[in-house]
Amino acid sequence: MLVLLFFAMRRSKGIVKLLVEAHVETRAEREQRATMVAMAQSLPDGGAAARFEEGRPAWLFRKDVADPAGRRTIATREAA
């Protein structure tokens, strides 16, 4: 019985570790995207900010110049 409990605890430890790693990775990704959006919003008269992964652009955050109504928009797209 003790051996069975030992293997069950090892299995649950592995599952919890995977869940925690996935959560941390997701939070880091959200934080990086929020930073890029904030950087693109701070551009004065339009422009773009790119995020690179492994030397290749992964995301492009582009700020368009003000439309006639005076609103500014942030357009994000995944670089292909």
Protein backbone atom coordinates (compact mmCIF):
# COMPACT_ATOMS: atom_id res chain seq x y z
CA MET A 1 0.00 0.00 0.00
CA LEU A 2 2.84 2.35 0.85
CA VAL A 3 4.49 1.73 -2.53
CA LEU A 4 1.24 2.55 -4.32
CA LEU A 5 0.94 5.80 -2.35
CA PHE A 6 4.53 6.70 -3.26
CA PHE A 7 3.88 6.30 -7.00
CA ALA A 8 0.59 8.20 -6.77
CA MET A 9 2.37 11.12 -5.05
CA ARG A 10 5.10 11.14 -7.73
CA ARG A 11 2.51 11.22 -10.49
CA SER A 12 0.54 14.05 -8.87
CA LYS A 13 3.77 16.02 -8.31
CA GLY A 14 4.54 15.79 -12.04
CA ILE A 15 1.06 16.97 -12.99
CA VAL A 16 1.20 19.91 -10.61
CA LYS A 17 4.64 20.86 -11.94
CA LEU A 18 3.30 20.90 -15.53
CA LEU A 19 0.33 23.04 -14.53
CA VAL A 20 2.49 25.56 -12.68
CA GLU A 21 4.95 25.84 -15.59
CA ALA A 22 2.09 26.41 -18.05
CA HIS A 23 0.61 29.09 -15.79
CA VAL A 24 3.93 30.91 -15.42
CA GLU A 25 4.53 30.79 -19.18
CA THR A 26 1.06 32.17 -19.91
CA ARG A 27 1.49 35.01 -17.41
CA ALA A 28 4.89 35.94 -18.86
CA GLU A 29 3.43 36.00 -22.38
CA ARG A 30 0.59 38.29 -21.29
CA GLU A 31 3.00 40.61 -19.52
CA GLN A 32 5.26 40.81 -22.59
CA ARG A 33 2.31 41.62 -24.85
CA ALA A 34 1.05 44.29 -22.44
CA THR A 35 4.52 45.84 -22.42
CA MET A 36 4.64 45.90 -26.21
CA VAL A 37 1.18 47.48 -26.45
CA ALA A 38 2.19 50.14 -23.92
CA MET A 39 5.36 50.82 -25.89
CA ALA A 40 3.41 51.15 -29.14
CA GLN A 41 0.90 53.47 -27.47
CA SER A 42 3.72 55.73 -26.33
CA LEU A 43 4.88 56.34 -29.90
CA PRO A 44 4.08 60.00 -30.65
CA ASP A 45 2.75 60.04 -34.23
CA GLY A 46 2.22 56.47 -35.22
CA GLY A 47 4.82 53.82 -35.75
CA ALA A 48 5.48 50.21 -34.91
CA ALA A 49 7.12 48.04 -32.29
CA ALA A 50 8.11 44.43 -33.01
CA ARG A 51 8.67 41.52 -30.67
CA PHE A 52 11.27 39.00 -31.72
CA GLU A 53 11.53 35.34 -30.75
CA GLU A 54 14.59 33.32 -31.75
CA GLY A 55 15.75 36.09 -34.07
CA ARG A 56 12.50 36.26 -36.03
CA PRO A 57 9.65 38.75 -35.56
CA ALA A 58 6.79 37.11 -33.70
CA TRP A 59 4.41 40.04 -33.16
CA LEU A 60 4.07 43.48 -34.69
CA PHE A 61 2.32 46.20 -32.70
CA ARG A 62 1.44 49.11 -34.96
CA LYS A 63 0.01 52.45 -33.92
CA ASP A 64 -1.87 54.24 -36.65
CA VAL A 65 -2.02 58.00 -36.80
CA ALA A 66 -5.15 59.63 -35.43
CA ASP A 67 -8.28 59.12 -37.47
CA PRO A 68 -10.59 62.08 -38.21
CA ALA A 69 -12.40 61.55 -34.92
CA GLY A 70 -9.11 61.94 -33.03
CA ARG A 71 -8.96 58.38 -31.71
CA ARG A 72 -5.79 56.34 -31.94
CA THR A 73 -5.83 52.62 -32.51
CA ILE A 74 -3.39 49.85 -31.75
CA ALA A 75 -3.40 47.05 -34.28
CA THR A 76 -1.67 43.83 -33.34
CA ARG A 77 -1.04 40.88 -35.57
CA GLU A 78 1.10 37.83 -35.49
CA ALA A 79 3.92 38.02 -37.98
CA ALA A 80 3.84 35.15 -40.41
